[in-house]
Amino acid sequence: MKQLLKNLMTEDSGQDLIEYALVSALIGLGAIASITALKNSVTGAFNGIGSGLTAAV
């Protein structure tokens, strides 16, 4: 039992996978934050384009 616990504490085979998961989670959170911040300006741009097209027709 002692040897099993010692092996679990020293084994690092899954460390890379956890690091990649954390990096991808941070990238996802950054993307969500930037999309939320740009939401109003993108909405305004599309509304302006739609108004311009409606007035041209």
PDB file of N, CA and C in Angstrom:
ATOM      1  N   MET A   1       0.829  -1.190   0.000  1.00  0.00           N
ATOM      2  CA  MET A   1       0.000   0.000   0.000  1.00  0.00           C
ATOM      3  C   MET A   1       0.874   1.254   0.000  1.00  0.00           C
ATOM      4  N   LYS A   2       1.951   1.214   0.793  1.00  0.00           N
ATOM      5  CA  LYS A   2       2.866   2.358   0.824  1.00  0.00           C
ATOM      6  C   LYS A   2       3.477   2.611  -0.551  1.00  0.00           C
ATOM      7  N   GLN A   3       3.833   1.519  -1.224  1.00  0.00           N
ATOM      8  CA  GLN A   3       4.452   1.655  -2.546  1.00  0.00           C
ATOM      9  C   GLN A   3       3.469   2.252  -3.546  1.00  0.00           C
ATOM     10  N   LEU A   4       2.209   1.889  -3.471  1.00  0.00           N
ATOM     11  CA  LEU A   4       1.189   2.429  -4.373  1.00  0.00           C
ATOM     12  C   LEU A   4       1.032   3.930  -4.167  1.00  0.00           C
ATOM     13  N   LEU A   5       0.956   4.363  -2.917  1.00  0.00           N
ATOM     14  CA  LEU A   5       0.838   5.794  -2.638  1.00  0.00           C
ATOM     15  C   LEU A   5       2.090   6.555  -3.077  1.00  0.00           C
ATOM     16  N   LYS A   6       3.255   5.950  -2.886  1.00  0.00           N
ATOM     17  CA  LYS A   6       4.498   6.586  -3.309  1.00  0.00           C
ATOM     18  C   LYS A   6       4.543   6.729  -4.833  1.00  0.00           C
ATOM     19  N   ASN A   7       4.089   5.706  -5.543  1.00  0.00           N
ATOM     20  CA  ASN A   7       4.047   5.770  -7.011  1.00  0.00           C
ATOM     21  C   ASN A   7       3.068   6.829  -7.496  1.00  0.00           C
ATOM     22  N   LEU A   8       1.937   6.958  -6.834  1.00  0.00           N
ATOM     23  CA  LEU A   8       0.950   7.956  -7.240  1.00  0.00           C
ATOM     24  C   LEU A   8       1.476   9.379  -7.049  1.00  0.00           C
ATOM     25  N   MET A   9       2.258   9.589  -5.999  1.00  0.00           N
ATOM     26  CA  MET A   9       2.782  10.922  -5.729  1.00  0.00           C
ATOM     27  C   MET A   9       3.907  11.303  -6.685  1.00  0.00           C
ATOM     28  N   THR A  10       4.665  10.335  -7.163  1.00  0.00           N
ATOM     29  CA  THR A  10       5.806  10.649  -8.028  1.00  0.00           C
ATOM     30  C   THR A  10       5.478  10.541  -9.511  1.00  0.00           C
ATOM     31  N   GLU A  11       4.375   9.936  -9.863  1.00  0.00           N
ATOM     32  CA  GLU A  11       4.022   9.749 -11.273  1.00  0.00           C
ATOM     33  C   GLU A  11       3.499  11.059 -11.857  1.00  0.00           C
ATOM     34  N   ASP A  12       3.983  11.413 -13.044  1.00  0.00           N
ATOM     35  CA  ASP A  12       3.547  12.657 -13.686  1.00  0.00           C
ATOM     36  C   ASP A  12       3.143  12.443 -15.143  1.00  0.00           C
ATOM     37  N   SER A  13       2.600  11.286 -15.460  1.00  0.00           N
ATOM     38  CA  SER A  13       2.277  10.975 -16.851  1.00  0.00           C
ATOM     39  C   SER A  13       1.094  11.783 -17.367  1.00  0.00           C
ATOM     40  N   GLY A  14       0.185  12.226 -16.540  1.00  0.00           N
ATOM     41  CA  GLY A  14      -0.971  12.993 -16.991  1.00  0.00           C
ATOM     42  C   GLY A  14      -0.796  14.492 -16.874  1.00  0.00           C
ATOM     43  N   GLN A  15       0.384  14.929 -16.507  1.00  0.00           N
ATOM     44  CA  GLN A  15       0.624  16.350 -16.274  1.00  0.00           C
ATOM     45  C   GLN A  15       0.480  17.165 -17.556  1.00  0.00           C
ATOM     46  N   ASP A  16       0.989  16.685 -18.673  1.00  0.00           N
ATOM     47  CA  ASP A  16       0.903  17.427 -19.929  1.00  0.00           C
ATOM     48  C   ASP A  16      -0.547  17.628 -20.354  1.00  0.00           C
ATOM     49  N   LEU A  17      -1.354  16.605 -20.202  1.00  0.00           N
ATOM     50  CA  LEU A  17      -2.762  16.700 -20.586  1.00  0.00           C
ATOM     51  C   LEU A  17      -3.484  17.754 -19.755  1.00  0.00           C
ATOM     52  N   ILE A  18      -3.201  17.812 -18.489  1.00  0.00           N
ATOM     53  CA  ILE A  18      -3.827  18.809 -17.616  1.00  0.00           C
ATOM     54  C   ILE A  18      -3.382  20.211 -18.004  1.00  0.00           C
ATOM     55  N   GLU A  19      -2.104  20.376 -18.336  1.00  0.00           N
ATOM     56  CA  GLU A  19      -1.619  21.693 -18.749  1.00  0.00           C
ATOM     57  C   GLU A  19      -2.280  22.138 -20.040  1.00  0.00           C
ATOM     58  N   TYR A  20      -2.409  21.239 -21.006  1.00  0.00           N
ATOM     59  CA  TYR A  20      -3.080  21.586 -22.264  1.00  0.00           C
ATOM     60  C   TYR A  20      -4.545  21.949 -22.016  1.00  0.00           C
ATOM     61  N   ALA A  21      -5.198  21.236 -21.124  1.00  0.00           N
ATOM     62  CA  ALA A  21      -6.596  21.539 -20.805  1.00  0.00           C
ATOM     63  C   ALA A  21      -6.716  22.918 -20.169  1.00  0.00           C
ATOM     64  N   LEU A  22      -5.799  23.265 -19.281  1.00  0.00           N
ATOM     65  CA  LEU A  22      -5.838  24.583 -18.645  1.00  0.00           C
ATOM     66  C   LEU A  22      -5.581  25.699 -19.656  1.00  0.00           C
ATOM     67  N   VAL A  23      -4.631  25.495 -20.557  1.00  0.00           N
ATOM     68  CA  VAL A  23      -4.343  26.507 -21.577  1.00  0.00           C
ATOM     69  C   VAL A  23      -5.537  26.697 -22.501  1.00  0.00           C
ATOM     70  N   SER A  24      -6.160  25.598 -22.921  1.00  0.00           N
ATOM     71  CA  SER A  24      -7.324  25.721 -23.803  1.00  0.00           C
ATOM     72  C   SER A  24      -8.504  26.364 -23.076  1.00  0.00           C
ATOM     73  N   ALA A  25      -8.649  26.115 -21.794  1.00  0.00           N
ATOM     74  CA  ALA A  25      -9.713  26.767 -21.025  1.00  0.00           C
ATOM     75  C   ALA A  25      -9.467  28.268 -20.929  1.00  0.00           C
ATOM     76  N   LEU A  26      -8.212  28.675 -20.725  1.00  0.00           N
ATOM     77  CA  LEU A  26      -7.891  30.102 -20.669  1.00  0.00           C
ATOM     78  C   LEU A  26      -8.127  30.781 -22.020  1.00  0.00           C
ATOM     79  N   ILE A  27      -7.792  30.100 -23.103  1.00  0.00           N
ATOM     80  CA  ILE A  27      -8.040  30.656 -24.435  1.00  0.00           C
ATOM     81  C   ILE A  27      -9.537  30.803 -24.665  1.00  0.00           C
ATOM     82  N   GLY A  28     -10.313  29.814 -24.251  1.00  0.00           N
ATOM     83  CA  GLY A  28     -11.764  29.888 -24.386  1.00  0.00           C
ATOM     84  C   GLY A  28     -12.360  31.026 -23.584  1.00  0.00           C
ATOM     85  N   LEU A  29     -11.884  31.203 -22.362  1.00  0.00           N
ATOM     86  CA  LEU A  29     -12.382  32.311 -21.542  1.00  0.00           C
ATOM     87  C   LEU A  29     -12.005  33.662 -22.137  1.00  0.00           C
ATOM     88  N   GLY A  30     -10.811  33.751 -22.706  1.00  0.00           N
ATOM     89  CA  GLY A  30     -10.403  34.987 -23.373  1.00  0.00           C
ATOM     90  C   GLY A  30     -11.255  35.294 -24.590  1.00  0.00           C
ATOM     91  N   ALA A  31     -11.596  34.264 -25.350  1.00  0.00           N
ATOM     92  CA  ALA A  31     -12.448  34.455 -26.520  1.00  0.00           C
ATOM     93  C   ALA A  31     -13.844  34.912 -26.107  1.00  0.00           C
ATOM     94  N   ILE A  32     -14.386  34.317 -25.073  1.00  0.00           N
ATOM     95  CA  ILE A  32     -15.713  34.711 -24.596  1.00  0.00           C
ATOM     96  C   ILE A  32     -15.696  36.146 -24.094  1.00  0.00           C
ATOM     97  N   ALA A  33     -14.649  36.519 -23.368  1.00  0.00           N
ATOM     98  CA  ALA A  33     -14.553  37.889 -22.855  1.00  0.00           C
ATOM     99  C   ALA A  33     -14.436  38.899 -23.985  1.00  0.00           C
ATOM    100  N   SER A  34     -13.653  38.585 -25.007  1.00  0.00           N
ATOM    101  CA  SER A  34     -13.498  39.536 -26.114  1.00  0.00           C
ATOM    102  C   SER A  34     -14.769  39.636 -26.941  1.00  0.00           C
ATOM    103  N   ILE A  35     -15.457  38.536 -27.141  1.00  0.00           N
ATOM    104  CA  ILE A  35     -16.722  38.573 -27.892  1.00  0.00           C
ATOM    105  C   ILE A  35     -17.752  39.393 -27.126  1.00  0.00           C
ATOM    106  N   THR A  36     -17.805  39.220 -25.822  1.00  0.00           N
ATOM    107  CA  THR A  36     -18.741  39.990 -25.002  1.00  0.00           C
ATOM    108  C   THR A  36     -18.422  41.477 -25.060  1.00  0.00           C
ATOM    109  N   ALA A  37     -17.136  41.809 -25.042  1.00  0.00           N
ATOM    110  CA  ALA A  37     -16.738  43.221 -25.076  1.00  0.00           C
ATOM    111  C   ALA A  37     -17.037  43.852 -26.434  1.00  0.00           C
ATOM    112  N   LEU A  38     -16.930  43.092 -27.503  1.00  0.00           N
ATOM    113  CA  LEU A  38     -17.137  43.633 -28.852  1.00  0.00           C
ATOM    114  C   LEU A  38     -18.581  43.511 -29.346  1.00  0.00           C
ATOM    115  N   LYS A  39     -19.437  42.940 -28.527  1.00  0.00           N
ATOM    116  CA  LYS A  39     -20.813  42.671 -28.949  1.00  0.00           C
ATOM    117  C   LYS A  39     -21.537  43.942 -29.397  1.00  0.00           C
ATOM    118  N   ASN A  40     -21.444  44.998 -28.646  1.00  0.00           N
ATOM    119  CA  ASN A  40     -22.176  46.220 -28.962  1.00  0.00           C
ATOM    120  C   ASN A  40     -21.672  46.874 -30.251  1.00  0.00           C
ATOM    121  N   SER A  41     -20.367  46.900 -30.464  1.00  0.00           N
ATOM    122  CA  SER A  41     -19.841  47.532 -31.667  1.00  0.00           C
ATOM    123  C   SER A  41     -20.190  46.719 -32.915  1.00  0.00           C
ATOM    124  N   VAL A  42     -20.165  45.403 -32.809  1.00  0.00           N
ATOM    125  CA  VAL A  42     -20.534  44.563 -33.955  1.00  0.00           C
ATOM    126  C   VAL A  42     -22.022  44.703 -34.253  1.00  0.00           C
ATOM    127  N   THR A  43     -22.835  44.731 -33.217  1.00  0.00           N
ATOM    128  CA  THR A  43     -24.268  44.912 -33.408  1.00  0.00           C
ATOM    129  C   THR A  43     -24.551  46.259 -34.061  1.00  0.00           C
ATOM    130  N   GLY A  44     -23.878  47.302 -33.629  1.00  0.00           N
ATOM    131  CA  GLY A  44     -24.060  48.626 -34.226  1.00  0.00           C
ATOM    132  C   GLY A  44     -23.641  48.654 -35.683  1.00  0.00           C
ATOM    133  N   ALA A  45     -22.555  47.986 -36.013  1.00  0.00           N
ATOM    134  CA  ALA A  45     -22.093  47.944 -37.404  1.00  0.00           C
ATOM    135  C   ALA A  45     -23.110  47.232 -38.294  1.00  0.00           C
ATOM    136  N   PHE A  46     -23.628  46.103 -37.859  1.00  0.00           N
ATOM    137  CA  PHE A  46     -24.605  45.377 -38.658  1.00  0.00           C
ATOM    138  C   PHE A  46     -25.917  46.151 -38.779  1.00  0.00           C
ATOM    139  N   ASN A  47     -26.317  46.824 -37.714  1.00  0.00           N
ATOM    140  CA  ASN A  47     -27.531  47.637 -37.792  1.00  0.00           C
ATOM    141  C   ASN A  47     -27.351  48.795 -38.776  1.00  0.00           C
ATOM    142  N   GLY A  48     -26.158  49.404 -38.779  1.00  0.00           N
ATOM    143  CA  GLY A  48     -25.883  50.474 -39.730  1.00  0.00           C
ATOM    144  C   GLY A  48     -25.899  49.984 -41.164  1.00  0.00           C
ATOM    145  N   ILE A  49     -25.325  48.828 -41.401  1.00  0.00           N
ATOM    146  CA  ILE A  49     -25.330  48.247 -42.749  1.00  0.00           C
ATOM    147  C   ILE A  49     -26.755  47.911 -43.167  1.00  0.00           C
ATOM    148  N   GLY A  50     -27.532  47.340 -42.260  1.00  0.00           N
ATOM    149  CA  GLY A  50     -28.930  47.008 -42.573  1.00  0.00           C
ATOM    150  C   GLY A  50     -29.751  48.231 -42.875  1.00  0.00           C
ATOM    151  N   SER A  51     -29.549  49.294 -42.116  1.00  0.00           N
ATOM    152  CA  SER A  51     -30.280  50.550 -42.369  1.00  0.00           C
ATOM    153  C   SER A  51     -29.894  51.141 -43.709  1.00  0.00           C
ATOM    154  N   GLY A  52     -28.597  51.087 -44.024  1.00  0.00           N
ATOM    155  CA  GLY A  52     -28.144  51.602 -45.311  1.00  0.00           C
ATOM    156  C   GLY A  52     -28.711  50.826 -46.473  1.00  0.00           C
ATOM    157  N   LEU A  53     -28.780  49.513 -46.344  1.00  0.00           N
ATOM    158  CA  LEU A  53     -29.354  48.692 -47.411  1.00  0.00           C
ATOM    159  C   LEU A  53     -30.855  48.917 -47.554  1.00  0.00           C
ATOM    160  N   THR A  54     -31.532  49.068 -46.430  1.00  0.00           N
ATOM    161  CA  THR A  54     -32.971  49.319 -46.484  1.00  0.00           C
ATOM    162  C   THR A  54     -33.263  50.675 -47.139  1.00  0.00           C
ATOM    163  N   ALA A  55     -32.477  51.660 -46.835  1.00  0.00           N
ATOM    164  CA  ALA A  55     -32.683  52.987 -47.431  1.00  0.00           C
ATOM    165  C   ALA A  55     -32.349  52.980 -48.915  1.00  0.00           C
ATOM    166  N   ALA A  56     -31.416  52.160 -49.357  1.00  0.00           N
ATOM    167  CA  ALA A  56     -31.020  52.115 -50.760  1.00  0.00           C
ATOM    168  C   ALA A  56     -32.067  51.413 -51.597  1.00  0.00           C
ATOM    169  N   VAL A  57     -32.848  50.531 -50.999  1.00  0.00           N
ATOM    170  CA  VAL A  57     -33.864  49.777 -51.772  1.00  0.00           C
ATOM    171  C   VAL A  57     -35.102  50.587 -51.767  1.00  0.00           C
TER     172      VAL A  57
END
